Amino acid sequence: MKRIIITIPLFAMILATGLTSCEKTEYSFGEIKAPTELALNTVVEGANTNSPDGNGSGNVAITATSNNAINYRIDFGDGTVQMVPSGKVSYKYKTPGTKEYTITVNAVGTGGVMSTISKKVKVFVAFEIPTAILQALTNGSSKTWVTDKMATGHIGVGPVSSFEPIWYQAAPNEKDYAGCLYDDEITFTKDANNNVTMVLDNKGSSFVQAASVGYYGFSGPEACYDINTSGSKALGFGNASSGSSSAQSTGIQFTVPGDGIINFATGNNTYEILSITETTMHLRNIGVDGNAWYQKLKVK
């Protein structure tokens, strides 16, 4: 009898232990709450009446708020997604030009439940001018340039298929008779966001290349004509569209709004920077005659 009495409690204890070890542990996440009253606010840096899409920096301040959110998943609309626990972030768009993006925010609540809101934002991003070119052009603030009249080829022309003035290169001081060609002063100035403006002081008249005289509303031969170039012009920079190689050019061009004149007029307002140093600059543009025109400038 003793042996039977001892065996039964032992079996009961083993059975109890086995049952206990099979019990599933339960966890509690608390009450699952979806975010409510989700709001999204965006502020494009530098946006105002004159520049509704911003100052060119590409920076946008984004603020998402809601009740019960523990994190925010922000899709900036350009292929970038970021988790932002605070809901506040400053994001920089980088594609040059003015583009519209759709910003989508998923507010994440307990248990992974989400609420979603979207908003479109239009942002202007200025082309990022290479640092070396920007420094040489403006000296970090402002710099004035004039015609390098003593340099061979300070005025030149060639076929559009070439990057050399193979048809004609002006000899030193050759165009002095023109009167207005050598007195222009071109000042390039950069602001805090590396946007560049240009002021051309042509002393009242500009030298106009023969084929483009009619483009500026005049009639007559190649000569000096009274053209108003006053005012500061915001330049638009970008990658050169000429197909030039790195051996031929810096690969950077800029456009002057309005009359587009730099030093002498060809009927076109886009200039490719073939080369630039702290004291010299070589430009190329395509005139209304379809030819490539060249000019050399130097620091005043």
C-alpha atoms as a PDB file:
ATOM      1  CA  MET A   1       0.000   0.000   0.000  1.00  0.00           C
ATOM      2  CA  LYS A   2       2.806   2.431   0.810  1.00  0.00           C
ATOM      3  CA  ARG A   3       4.255   2.039  -2.636  1.00  0.00           C
ATOM      4  CA  ILE A   4       0.934   2.879  -4.278  1.00  0.00           C
ATOM      5  CA  ILE A   5       0.419   5.931  -2.083  1.00  0.00           C
ATOM      6  CA  ILE A   6       3.883   7.331  -2.946  1.00  0.00           C
ATOM      7  CA  THR A   7       3.493   6.774  -6.711  1.00  0.00           C
ATOM      8  CA  ILE A   8       0.162   8.605  -7.083  1.00  0.00           C
ATOM      9  CA  PRO A   9       1.316  11.996  -5.703  1.00  0.00           C
ATOM     10  CA  LEU A  10       4.440  11.805  -7.895  1.00  0.00           C
ATOM     11  CA  PHE A  11       2.340  11.167 -10.999  1.00  0.00           C
ATOM     12  CA  ALA A  12      -0.006  13.993 -10.072  1.00  0.00           C
ATOM     13  CA  MET A  13       2.920  16.382  -9.676  1.00  0.00           C
ATOM     14  CA  ILE A  14       4.375  15.438 -13.079  1.00  0.00           C
ATOM     15  CA  LEU A  15       0.976  15.838 -14.693  1.00  0.00           C
ATOM     16  CA  ALA A  16       0.472  19.237 -13.117  1.00  0.00           C
ATOM     17  CA  THR A  17       3.918  20.367 -14.244  1.00  0.00           C
ATOM     18  CA  GLY A  18       3.243  19.240 -17.795  1.00  0.00           C
ATOM     19  CA  LEU A  19      -0.054  21.051 -17.964  1.00  0.00           C
ATOM     20  CA  THR A  20       1.515  24.218 -16.629  1.00  0.00           C
ATOM     21  CA  SER A  21       4.306  24.168 -19.215  1.00  0.00           C
ATOM     22  CA  CYS A  22       1.757  23.937 -22.070  1.00  0.00           C
ATOM     23  CA  GLU A  23      -0.096  27.095 -21.084  1.00  0.00           C
ATOM     24  CA  LYS A  24       0.303  29.994 -23.684  1.00  0.00           C
ATOM     25  CA  THR A  25       1.693  33.272 -22.403  1.00  0.00           C
ATOM     26  CA  GLU A  26      -0.644  36.162 -23.171  1.00  0.00           C
ATOM     27  CA  TYR A  27       0.504  39.735 -23.841  1.00  0.00           C
ATOM     28  CA  SER A  28      -1.551  42.892 -23.772  1.00  0.00           C
ATOM     29  CA  PHE A  29      -0.897  45.861 -26.109  1.00  0.00           C
ATOM     30  CA  GLY A  30      -3.459  48.029 -24.513  1.00  0.00           C
ATOM     31  CA  GLU A  31      -6.301  49.695 -26.350  1.00  0.00           C
ATOM     32  CA  ILE A  32      -5.742  50.016 -30.112  1.00  0.00           C
ATOM     33  CA  LYS A  33      -6.332  53.608 -31.179  1.00  0.00           C
ATOM     34  CA  ALA A  34      -6.284  54.974 -34.701  1.00  0.00           C
ATOM     35  CA  PRO A  35      -4.856  58.508 -35.092  1.00  0.00           C
ATOM     36  CA  THR A  36      -7.545  61.141 -35.436  1.00  0.00           C
ATOM     37  CA  GLU A  37      -7.729  64.772 -36.563  1.00  0.00           C
ATOM     38  CA  LEU A  38      -4.678  64.310 -38.796  1.00  0.00           C
ATOM     39  CA  ALA A  39      -3.451  67.607 -40.285  1.00  0.00           C
ATOM     40  CA  LEU A  40      -0.584  68.438 -42.640  1.00  0.00           C
ATOM     41  CA  ASN A  41       1.055  71.851 -43.035  1.00  0.00           C
ATOM     42  CA  THR A  42       3.811  72.772 -45.505  1.00  0.00           C
ATOM     43  CA  VAL A  43       5.850  75.970 -45.851  1.00  0.00           C
ATOM     44  CA  VAL A  44       8.080  76.459 -48.904  1.00  0.00           C
ATOM     45  CA  GLU A  45      11.142  78.474 -47.919  1.00  0.00           C
ATOM     46  CA  GLY A  46      11.148  81.978 -49.370  1.00  0.00           C
ATOM     47  CA  ALA A  47       7.676  81.726 -50.890  1.00  0.00           C
ATOM     48  CA  ASN A  48       5.988  85.097 -51.314  1.00  0.00           C
ATOM     49  CA  THR A  49       3.849  86.999 -53.797  1.00  0.00           C
ATOM     50  CA  ASN A  50       6.729  87.501 -56.223  1.00  0.00           C
ATOM     51  CA  SER A  51       8.173  84.003 -55.746  1.00  0.00           C
ATOM     52  CA  PRO A  52       5.199  81.745 -54.912  1.00  0.00           C
ATOM     53  CA  ASP A  53       7.245  78.560 -55.331  1.00  0.00           C
ATOM     54  CA  GLY A  54      10.122  79.564 -53.078  1.00  0.00           C
ATOM     55  CA  ASN A  55      13.561  81.114 -53.280  1.00  0.00           C
ATOM     56  CA  GLY A  56      15.246  78.261 -55.130  1.00  0.00           C
ATOM     57  CA  SER A  57      16.680  76.535 -52.067  1.00  0.00           C
ATOM     58  CA  GLY A  58      14.203  73.657 -52.396  1.00  0.00           C
ATOM     59  CA  ASN A  59      13.617  73.594 -48.640  1.00  0.00           C
ATOM     60  CA  VAL A  60      10.114  72.786 -47.372  1.00  0.00           C
ATOM     61  CA  ALA A  61       9.101  72.731 -43.695  1.00  0.00           C
ATOM     62  CA  ILE A  62       6.628  69.883 -43.139  1.00  0.00           C
ATOM     63  CA  THR A  63       4.509  69.509 -40.001  1.00  0.00           C
ATOM     64  CA  ALA A  64       2.071  66.654 -39.384  1.00  0.00           C
ATOM     65  CA  THR A  65      -0.116  66.587 -36.261  1.00  0.00           C
ATOM     66  CA  SER A  66      -2.792  64.231 -34.946  1.00  0.00           C
ATOM     67  CA  ASN A  67      -4.230  62.651 -31.840  1.00  0.00           C
ATOM     68  CA  ASN A  68      -2.995  59.173 -30.798  1.00  0.00           C
ATOM     69  CA  ALA A  69      -0.123  58.975 -33.308  1.00  0.00           C
ATOM     70  CA  ILE A  70       3.115  57.355 -32.141  1.00  0.00           C
ATOM     71  CA  ASN A  71       5.006  57.853 -35.439  1.00  0.00           C
ATOM     72  CA  TYR A  72       4.641  59.416 -38.867  1.00  0.00           C
ATOM     73  CA  ARG A  73       5.641  57.882 -42.184  1.00  0.00           C
ATOM     74  CA  ILE A  74       6.231  60.709 -44.678  1.00  0.00           C
ATOM     75  CA  ASP A  75       6.458  60.107 -48.420  1.00  0.00           C
ATOM     76  CA  PHE A  76       7.908  63.282 -49.945  1.00  0.00           C
ATOM     77  CA  GLY A  77       6.677  62.496 -53.438  1.00  0.00           C
ATOM     78  CA  ASP A  78      10.116  62.270 -55.033  1.00  0.00           C
ATOM     79  CA  GLY A  79      10.837  58.655 -54.171  1.00  0.00           C
ATOM     80  CA  THR A  80      12.033  59.336 -50.621  1.00  0.00           C
ATOM     81  CA  VAL A  81      10.196  58.000 -47.555  1.00  0.00           C
ATOM     82  CA  GLN A  82      11.148  58.760 -43.953  1.00  0.00           C
ATOM     83  CA  MET A  83       9.863  57.857 -40.501  1.00  0.00           C
ATOM     84  CA  VAL A  84       9.490  61.037 -38.430  1.00  0.00           C
ATOM     85  CA  PRO A  85       8.347  60.403 -34.832  1.00  0.00           C
ATOM     86  CA  SER A  86       7.851  64.112 -34.109  1.00  0.00           C
ATOM     87  CA  GLY A  87       5.932  64.778 -37.320  1.00  0.00           C
ATOM     88  CA  LYS A  88       8.143  67.786 -38.036  1.00  0.00           C
ATOM     89  CA  VAL A  89      10.913  67.795 -40.638  1.00  0.00           C
ATOM     90  CA  SER A  90      12.668  70.171 -43.040  1.00  0.00           C
ATOM     91  CA  TYR A  91      13.107  68.482 -46.391  1.00  0.00           C
ATOM     92  CA  LYS A  92      15.227  69.662 -49.344  1.00  0.00           C
ATOM     93  CA  TYR A  93      14.059  68.873 -52.868  1.00  0.00           C
ATOM     94  CA  LYS A  94      16.968  68.661 -55.319  1.00  0.00           C
ATOM     95  CA  THR A  95      15.632  68.411 -58.874  1.00  0.00           C
ATOM     96  CA  PRO A  96      16.230  71.767 -60.645  1.00  0.00           C
ATOM     97  CA  GLY A  97      13.237  73.646 -61.953  1.00  0.00           C
ATOM     98  CA  THR A  98       9.684  74.138 -60.712  1.00  0.00           C
ATOM     99  CA  LYS A  99       7.936  70.881 -59.946  1.00  0.00           C
ATOM    100  CA  GLU A 100       4.833  69.764 -58.073  1.00  0.00           C
ATOM    101  CA  TYR A 101       5.116  66.997 -55.487  1.00  0.00           C
ATOM    102  CA  THR A 102       2.454  65.096 -53.550  1.00  0.00           C
ATOM    103  CA  ILE A 103       3.421  64.706 -49.901  1.00  0.00           C
ATOM    104  CA  THR A 104       1.669  61.780 -48.194  1.00  0.00           C
ATOM    105  CA  VAL A 105       1.692  61.257 -44.436  1.00  0.00           C
ATOM    106  CA  ASN A 106       0.671  58.037 -42.684  1.00  0.00           C
ATOM    107  CA  ALA A 107       0.089  58.667 -38.986  1.00  0.00           C
ATOM    108  CA  VAL A 108       0.760  55.396 -37.168  1.00  0.00           C
ATOM    109  CA  GLY A 109      -1.200  54.532 -34.030  1.00  0.00           C
ATOM    110  CA  THR A 110      -1.041  51.631 -31.566  1.00  0.00           C
ATOM    111  CA  GLY A 111      -1.108  48.195 -33.121  1.00  0.00           C
ATOM    112  CA  GLY A 112       0.013  49.669 -36.463  1.00  0.00           C
ATOM    113  CA  VAL A 113      -3.324  51.217 -37.398  1.00  0.00           C
ATOM    114  CA  MET A 114      -2.904  54.253 -39.649  1.00  0.00           C
ATOM    115  CA  SER A 115      -4.614  57.404 -40.835  1.00  0.00           C
ATOM    116  CA  THR A 116      -3.525  59.072 -44.089  1.00  0.00           C
ATOM    117  CA  ILE A 117      -3.424  62.591 -45.485  1.00  0.00           C
ATOM    118  CA  SER A 118      -1.886  64.035 -48.670  1.00  0.00           C
ATOM    119  CA  LYS A 119      -1.067  67.504 -49.939  1.00  0.00           C
ATOM    120  CA  LYS A 120       0.419  68.883 -53.157  1.00  0.00           C
ATOM    121  CA  VAL A 121       3.263  71.375 -52.994  1.00  0.00           C
ATOM    122  CA  LYS A 122       4.983  73.237 -55.830  1.00  0.00           C
ATOM    123  CA  VAL A 123       8.681  73.934 -55.291  1.00  0.00           C
ATOM    124  CA  PHE A 124      11.247  75.877 -57.286  1.00  0.00           C
ATOM    125  CA  VAL A 125      14.774  74.469 -57.066  1.00  0.00           C
ATOM    126  CA  ALA A 126      17.586  76.519 -58.526  1.00  0.00           C
ATOM    127  CA  PHE A 127      20.291  74.667 -60.416  1.00  0.00           C
ATOM    128  CA  GLU A 128      23.278  74.091 -58.136  1.00  0.00           C
ATOM    129  CA  ILE A 129      26.111  75.950 -59.800  1.00  0.00           C
ATOM    130  CA  PRO A 130      29.461  74.201 -59.294  1.00  0.00           C
ATOM    131  CA  THR A 131      31.270  75.866 -56.421  1.00  0.00           C
ATOM    132  CA  ALA A 132      34.401  76.680 -58.413  1.00  0.00           C
ATOM    133  CA  ILE A 133      32.410  78.408 -61.165  1.00  0.00           C
ATOM    134  CA  LEU A 134      30.251  80.324 -58.696  1.00  0.00           C
ATOM    135  CA  GLN A 135      33.331  81.535 -56.823  1.00  0.00           C
ATOM    136  CA  ALA A 136      35.177  82.583 -59.959  1.00  0.00           C
ATOM    137  CA  LEU A 137      32.111  84.347 -61.379  1.00  0.00           C
ATOM    138  CA  THR A 138      31.134  86.328 -58.280  1.00  0.00           C
ATOM    139  CA  ASN A 139      34.111  86.140 -55.893  1.00  0.00           C
ATOM    140  CA  GLY A 140      31.660  84.843 -53.304  1.00  0.00           C
ATOM    141  CA  SER A 141      29.563  88.013 -53.452  1.00  0.00           C
ATOM    142  CA  SER A 142      29.893  90.292 -56.474  1.00  0.00           C
ATOM    143  CA  LYS A 143      32.344  90.788 -59.340  1.00  0.00           C
ATOM    144  CA  THR A 144      32.436  93.089 -62.381  1.00  0.00           C
ATOM    145  CA  TRP A 145      33.694  91.973 -65.790  1.00  0.00           C
ATOM    146  CA  VAL A 146      34.648  93.854 -68.984  1.00  0.00           C
ATOM    147  CA  THR A 147      35.716  92.881 -72.500  1.00  0.00           C
ATOM    148  CA  ASP A 148      39.257  91.507 -72.618  1.00  0.00           C
ATOM    149  CA  LYS A 149      39.938  93.727 -75.620  1.00  0.00           C
ATOM    150  CA  MET A 150      43.681  93.025 -75.732  1.00  0.00           C
ATOM    151  CA  ALA A 151      43.163  89.262 -76.035  1.00  0.00           C
ATOM    152  CA  THR A 152      43.154  87.676 -79.472  1.00  0.00           C
ATOM    153  CA  GLY A 153      39.688  86.307 -80.156  1.00  0.00           C
ATOM    154  CA  HIS A 154      37.884  88.547 -77.659  1.00  0.00           C
ATOM    155  CA  ILE A 155      35.209  88.525 -80.359  1.00  0.00           C
ATOM    156  CA  GLY A 156      34.938  85.493 -82.623  1.00  0.00           C
ATOM    157  CA  VAL A 157      32.631  83.389 -84.752  1.00  0.00           C
ATOM    158  CA  GLY A 158      32.545  79.870 -86.138  1.00  0.00           C
ATOM    159  CA  PRO A 159      30.189  77.104 -87.207  1.00  0.00           C
ATOM    160  CA  VAL A 160      27.737  75.698 -84.678  1.00  0.00           C
ATOM    161  CA  SER A 161      29.403  72.300 -85.074  1.00  0.00           C
ATOM    162  CA  SER A 162      32.669  73.632 -83.661  1.00  0.00           C
ATOM    163  CA  PHE A 163      33.764  75.006 -80.302  1.00  0.00           C
ATOM    164  CA  GLU A 164      36.429  77.290 -81.752  1.00  0.00           C
ATOM    165  CA  PRO A 165      36.009  80.641 -83.603  1.00  0.00           C
ATOM    166  CA  ILE A 166      37.578  79.196 -86.731  1.00  0.00           C
ATOM    167  CA  TRP A 167      36.027  81.737 -89.140  1.00  0.00           C
ATOM    168  CA  TYR A 168      37.073  84.928 -87.398  1.00  0.00           C
ATOM    169  CA  GLN A 169      38.952  86.069 -84.300  1.00  0.00           C
ATOM    170  CA  ALA A 170      39.297  89.762 -83.481  1.00  0.00           C
ATOM    171  CA  ALA A 171      42.835  91.021 -83.080  1.00  0.00           C
ATOM    172  CA  PRO A 172      43.714  92.961 -79.910  1.00  0.00           C
ATOM    173  CA  ASN A 173      41.736  96.201 -79.727  1.00  0.00           C
ATOM    174  CA  GLU A 174      40.522  95.690 -83.313  1.00  0.00           C
ATOM    175  CA  LYS A 175      36.963  96.825 -82.590  1.00  0.00           C
ATOM    176  CA  ASP A 176      37.912 100.061 -80.857  1.00  0.00           C
ATOM    177  CA  TYR A 177      36.212 102.016 -83.651  1.00  0.00           C
ATOM    178  CA  ALA A 178      32.842 100.687 -82.509  1.00  0.00           C
ATOM    179  CA  GLY A 179      32.859 103.059 -79.557  1.00  0.00           C
ATOM    180  CA  CYS A 180      30.380 101.082 -77.418  1.00  0.00           C
ATOM    181  CA  LEU A 181      31.872  97.593 -77.559  1.00  0.00           C
ATOM    182  CA  TYR A 182      34.634  97.989 -74.996  1.00  0.00           C
ATOM    183  CA  ASP A 183      32.935 100.146 -72.361  1.00  0.00           C
ATOM    184  CA  ASP A 184      30.317  97.666 -71.065  1.00  0.00           C
ATOM    185  CA  GLU A 185      30.522  96.540 -67.439  1.00  0.00           C
ATOM    186  CA  ILE A 186      28.833  93.266 -66.461  1.00  0.00           C
ATOM    187  CA  THR A 187      28.370  92.640 -62.735  1.00  0.00           C
ATOM    188  CA  PHE A 188      27.441  89.186 -61.413  1.00  0.00           C
ATOM    189  CA  THR A 189      26.130  88.965 -57.832  1.00  0.00           C
ATOM    190  CA  LYS A 190      25.125  85.930 -55.757  1.00  0.00           C
ATOM    191  CA  ASP A 191      22.729  85.837 -52.824  1.00  0.00           C
ATOM    192  CA  ALA A 192      22.695  83.642 -49.719  1.00  0.00           C
ATOM    193  CA  ASN A 193      21.029  80.812 -51.648  1.00  0.00           C
ATOM    194  CA  ASN A 194      23.597  80.950 -54.476  1.00  0.00           C
ATOM    195  CA  ASN A 195      21.136  82.490 -56.924  1.00  0.00           C
ATOM    196  CA  VAL A 196      22.952  84.770 -59.351  1.00  0.00           C
ATOM    197  CA  THR A 197      21.790  88.082 -60.797  1.00  0.00           C
ATOM    198  CA  MET A 198      23.422  90.207 -63.475  1.00  0.00           C
ATOM    199  CA  VAL A 199      23.505  93.949 -64.088  1.00  0.00           C
ATOM    200  CA  LEU A 200      24.763  95.202 -67.454  1.00  0.00           C
ATOM    201  CA  ASP A 201      25.872  98.817 -67.653  1.00  0.00           C
ATOM    202  CA  ASN A 202      26.169  99.409 -71.405  1.00  0.00           C
ATOM    203  CA  LYS A 203      26.532 103.179 -71.038  1.00  0.00           C
ATOM    204  CA  GLY A 204      23.356 103.594 -73.091  1.00  0.00           C
ATOM    205  CA  SER A 205      24.173 101.559 -76.197  1.00  0.00           C
ATOM    206  CA  SER A 206      25.256  98.066 -77.184  1.00  0.00           C
ATOM    207  CA  PHE A 207      27.138  96.696 -80.155  1.00  0.00           C
ATOM    208  CA  VAL A 208      24.769  94.595 -82.293  1.00  0.00           C
ATOM    209  CA  GLN A 209      26.019  91.885 -84.663  1.00  0.00           C
ATOM    210  CA  ALA A 210      24.798  92.460 -88.239  1.00  0.00           C
ATOM    211  CA  ALA A 211      22.389  89.529 -88.617  1.00  0.00           C
ATOM    212  CA  SER A 212      20.610  90.335 -85.349  1.00  0.00           C
ATOM    213  CA  VAL A 213      20.006  94.065 -85.858  1.00  0.00           C
ATOM    214  CA  GLY A 214      16.398  93.423 -86.887  1.00  0.00           C
ATOM    215  CA  TYR A 215      15.859  91.140 -83.882  1.00  0.00           C
ATOM    216  CA  TYR A 216      16.248  94.164 -81.586  1.00  0.00           C
ATOM    217  CA  GLY A 217      13.892  96.324 -83.660  1.00  0.00           C
ATOM    218  CA  PHE A 218      16.478  98.293 -85.608  1.00  0.00           C
ATOM    219  CA  SER A 219      17.551  98.507 -89.224  1.00  0.00           C
ATOM    220  CA  GLY A 220      21.037  99.096 -90.512  1.00  0.00           C
ATOM    221  CA  PRO A 221      24.503  97.596 -90.413  1.00  0.00           C
ATOM    222  CA  GLU A 222      26.531  96.115 -87.567  1.00  0.00           C
ATOM    223  CA  ALA A 223      26.926  99.053 -85.171  1.00  0.00           C
ATOM    224  CA  CYS A 224      26.102 100.520 -81.772  1.00  0.00           C
ATOM    225  CA  TYR A 225      22.380 100.884 -81.033  1.00  0.00           C
ATOM    226  CA  ASP A 226      20.547 102.423 -78.105  1.00  0.00           C
ATOM    227  CA  ILE A 227      19.312  99.455 -76.086  1.00  0.00           C
ATOM    228  CA  ASN A 228      18.018  99.769 -72.538  1.00  0.00           C
ATOM    229  CA  THR A 229      19.721  97.074 -70.466  1.00  0.00           C
ATOM    230  CA  SER A 230      18.963  98.555 -67.049  1.00  0.00           C
ATOM    231  CA  GLY A 231      17.830  96.508 -64.088  1.00  0.00           C
ATOM    232  CA  SER A 232      18.972  93.392 -62.293  1.00  0.00           C
ATOM    233  CA  LYS A 233      18.308  90.134 -64.132  1.00  0.00           C
ATOM    234  CA  ALA A 234      17.995  86.761 -62.392  1.00  0.00           C
ATOM    235  CA  LEU A 235      20.084  84.258 -64.340  1.00  0.00           C
ATOM    236  CA  GLY A 236      18.954  80.707 -64.975  1.00  0.00           C
ATOM    237  CA  PHE A 237      21.789  78.177 -64.810  1.00  0.00           C
ATOM    238  CA  GLY A 238      21.827  74.607 -66.067  1.00  0.00           C
ATOM    239  CA  ASN A 239      23.823  71.925 -67.801  1.00  0.00           C
ATOM    240  CA  ALA A 240      24.975  72.953 -71.258  1.00  0.00           C
ATOM    241  CA  SER A 241      22.733  71.717 -74.063  1.00  0.00           C
ATOM    242  CA  SER A 242      25.374  72.023 -76.795  1.00  0.00           C
ATOM    243  CA  GLY A 243      26.786  68.522 -76.461  1.00  0.00           C
ATOM    244  CA  SER A 244      30.218  69.868 -75.595  1.00  0.00           C
ATOM    245  CA  SER A 245      32.849  67.648 -74.007  1.00  0.00           C
ATOM    246  CA  SER A 246      34.777  68.361 -70.824  1.00  0.00           C
ATOM    247  CA  ALA A 247      37.780  69.228 -73.002  1.00  0.00           C
ATOM    248  CA  GLN A 248      35.776  71.953 -74.751  1.00  0.00           C
ATOM    249  CA  SER A 249      33.705  73.487 -71.980  1.00  0.00           C
ATOM    250  CA  THR A 250      32.806  73.641 -68.314  1.00  0.00           C
ATOM    251  CA  GLY A 251      29.473  72.086 -69.309  1.00  0.00           C
ATOM    252  CA  ILE A 252      27.527  74.910 -67.658  1.00  0.00           C
ATOM    253  CA  GLN A 253      25.327  77.491 -69.341  1.00  0.00           C
ATOM    254  CA  PHE A 254      23.166  80.381 -68.169  1.00  0.00           C
ATOM    255  CA  THR A 255      20.271  82.339 -69.626  1.00  0.00           C
ATOM    256  CA  VAL A 256      19.792  86.094 -69.310  1.00  0.00           C
ATOM    257  CA  PRO A 257      16.081  87.025 -69.328  1.00  0.00           C
ATOM    258  CA  GLY A 258      14.837  89.834 -71.524  1.00  0.00           C
ATOM    259  CA  ASP A 259      17.200  91.256 -74.152  1.00  0.00           C
ATOM    260  CA  GLY A 260      19.846  88.758 -73.018  1.00  0.00           C
ATOM    261  CA  ILE A 261      22.809  90.890 -73.969  1.00  0.00           C
ATOM    262  CA  ILE A 262      26.275  90.358 -72.580  1.00  0.00           C
ATOM    263  CA  ASN A 263      28.769  92.779 -74.096  1.00  0.00           C
ATOM    264  CA  PHE A 264      27.474  92.473 -77.691  1.00  0.00           C
ATOM    265  CA  ALA A 265      24.126  91.356 -79.054  1.00  0.00           C
ATOM    266  CA  THR A 266      23.582  88.254 -81.207  1.00  0.00           C
ATOM    267  CA  GLY A 267      19.830  87.747 -80.796  1.00  0.00           C
ATOM    268  CA  ASN A 268      20.214  84.907 -78.287  1.00  0.00           C
ATOM    269  CA  ASN A 269      20.273  85.053 -74.501  1.00  0.00           C
ATOM    270  CA  THR A 270      21.873  81.719 -73.524  1.00  0.00           C
ATOM    271  CA  TYR A 271      25.625  81.591 -72.905  1.00  0.00           C
ATOM    272  CA  GLU A 272      27.812  78.558 -72.367  1.00  0.00           C
ATOM    273  CA  ILE A 273      30.852  79.037 -70.127  1.00  0.00           C
ATOM    274  CA  LEU A 274      33.682  77.432 -72.071  1.00  0.00           C
ATOM    275  CA  SER A 275      36.249  78.337 -69.434  1.00  0.00           C
ATOM    276  CA  ILE A 276      36.525  80.543 -66.375  1.00  0.00           C
ATOM    277  CA  THR A 277      39.248  81.506 -63.923  1.00  0.00           C
ATOM    278  CA  GLU A 278      39.430  84.111 -61.187  1.00  0.00           C
ATOM    279  CA  THR A 279      40.304  86.752 -63.807  1.00  0.00           C
ATOM    280  CA  THR A 280      39.155  85.504 -67.252  1.00  0.00           C
ATOM    281  CA  MET A 281      36.009  84.051 -68.830  1.00  0.00           C
ATOM    282  CA  HIS A 282      35.321  82.626 -72.299  1.00  0.00           C
ATOM    283  CA  LEU A 283      31.692  82.486 -73.470  1.00  0.00           C
ATOM    284  CA  ARG A 284      29.888  80.919 -76.443  1.00  0.00           C
ATOM    285  CA  ASN A 285      26.350  81.465 -77.676  1.00  0.00           C
ATOM    286  CA  ILE A 286      24.388  80.724 -80.821  1.00  0.00           C
ATOM    287  CA  GLY A 287      23.199  83.824 -82.666  1.00  0.00           C
ATOM    288  CA  VAL A 288      20.009  84.221 -84.671  1.00  0.00           C
ATOM    289  CA  ASP A 289      22.161  83.597 -87.744  1.00  0.00           C
ATOM    290  CA  GLY A 290      22.767  80.033 -86.519  1.00  0.00           C
ATOM    291  CA  ASN A 291      26.468  80.579 -85.958  1.00  0.00           C
ATOM    292  CA  ALA A 292      28.480  80.187 -82.764  1.00  0.00           C
ATOM    293  CA  TRP A 293      29.679  83.512 -81.367  1.00  0.00           C
ATOM    294  CA  TYR A 294      32.474  83.843 -78.822  1.00  0.00           C
ATOM    295  CA  GLN A 295      33.653  86.511 -76.431  1.00  0.00           C
ATOM    296  CA  LYS A 296      36.367  86.838 -73.842  1.00  0.00           C
ATOM    297  CA  LEU A 297      35.920  88.807 -70.647  1.00  0.00           C
ATOM    298  CA  LYS A 298      38.273  89.794 -67.870  1.00  0.00           C
ATOM    299  CA  VAL A 299      37.805  91.140 -64.366  1.00  0.00           C
ATOM    300  CA  LYS A 300      37.590  94.909 -64.220  1.00  0.00           C
END
